[in-house]
């Protein structure tokens, strides 16, 4: 059973439109709404966690660097 989408209806509709536009312009294939929605569901379920985890790691590194900057202000 697929997980419930974290995307709002509006965002999902925009992304489906972008997928359809991409397939038409880059591959000269007309993709229907259902096919584009299924592709988006696949990307969200299977690939989304990788993007999410990378975002977490990027945020962690940024915050760690900022904390080190703050700690360098410590007075003897």
Protein backbone atom coordinates (compact mmCIF):
# COMPACT_ATOMS: atom_id res chain seq x y z
CA UNK A 1 0.00 0.00 0.00
CA UNK A 2 1.40 3.38 -1.03
CA UNK A 3 1.95 6.09 1.54
CA UNK A 4 -0.25 9.18 1.53
CA UNK A 5 1.32 11.97 -0.51
CA UNK A 6 2.93 14.81 1.41
CA UNK A 7 2.20 17.16 -1.50
CA UNK A 8 -0.76 19.50 -1.59
CA UNK A 9 -3.26 19.00 -4.40
CA UNK A 10 -2.10 22.23 -6.07
CA UNK A 11 1.58 21.26 -5.93
CA UNK A 12 0.84 17.79 -7.23
CA UNK A 13 -1.15 19.22 -10.15
CA UNK A 14 1.70 21.62 -11.02
CA UNK A 15 4.24 18.79 -10.87
CA UNK A 16 2.08 16.57 -13.08
CA UNK A 17 1.88 19.42 -15.58
CA UNK A 18 5.68 19.81 -15.47
CA UNK A 19 6.18 16.08 -16.07
CA UNK A 20 3.80 16.15 -19.04
CA UNK A 21 5.56 19.23 -20.46
CA UNK A 22 8.97 17.60 -20.02
CA UNK A 23 7.95 14.40 -21.78
CA UNK A 24 6.44 16.37 -24.65
CA UNK A 25 9.38 18.75 -25.15
CA UNK A 26 12.27 16.37 -24.43
CA UNK A 27 10.94 13.02 -25.59
CA UNK A 28 8.17 14.07 -27.98
CA UNK A 29 5.78 11.83 -26.05
CA UNK A 30 2.33 12.84 -24.91
CA UNK A 31 1.82 11.63 -21.37
CA UNK A 32 -1.67 11.58 -19.92
CA UNK A 33 -2.54 12.85 -16.46
CA UNK A 34 -2.73 9.33 -15.03
CA UNK A 35 0.67 8.28 -16.38
CA UNK A 36 2.27 11.51 -15.15
CA UNK A 37 0.61 11.10 -11.73
CA UNK A 38 1.86 7.52 -11.45
CA UNK A 39 5.38 8.64 -12.35
CA UNK A 40 5.19 11.40 -9.75
CA UNK A 41 3.96 8.89 -7.14
CA UNK A 42 6.91 6.63 -7.96
CA UNK A 43 9.40 9.50 -7.69
CA UNK A 44 7.89 10.69 -4.42
CA UNK A 45 7.84 7.20 -2.87
CA UNK A 46 11.12 5.75 -4.14
CA UNK A 47 13.38 8.76 -4.75
CA UNK A 48 11.89 11.42 -2.48
CA UNK A 49 13.48 10.02 0.69
CA UNK A 50 16.94 10.41 -0.87
CA UNK A 51 16.32 14.10 -1.59
CA UNK A 52 14.83 14.58 1.88
CA UNK A 53 17.80 12.92 3.58
CA UNK A 54 20.25 15.00 1.56
CA UNK A 55 18.38 18.14 2.63
CA UNK A 56 18.66 17.04 6.26
CA UNK A 57 22.39 16.43 5.89
CA UNK A 58 22.92 19.81 4.18
CA UNK A 59 21.00 21.53 7.00
CA UNK A 60 22.97 19.64 9.65
CA UNK A 61 26.30 20.67 8.13
CA UNK A 62 25.20 24.30 7.85
CA UNK A 63 23.99 24.39 11.47
CA UNK A 64 27.15 22.63 12.71
CA UNK A 65 29.32 25.21 10.93
CA UNK A 66 27.28 28.06 12.45
CA UNK A 67 27.60 26.62 15.96
CA UNK A 68 31.36 26.34 15.47
CA UNK A 69 31.40 30.01 14.38
CA UNK A 70 29.52 30.99 17.54
CA UNK A 71 31.82 28.92 19.74
CA UNK A 72 34.85 30.69 18.25
CA UNK A 73 33.58 33.88 19.90
CA UNK A 74 34.08 32.38 23.36
CA UNK A 75 36.36 34.50 25.53
CA UNK A 76 39.23 33.01 27.53
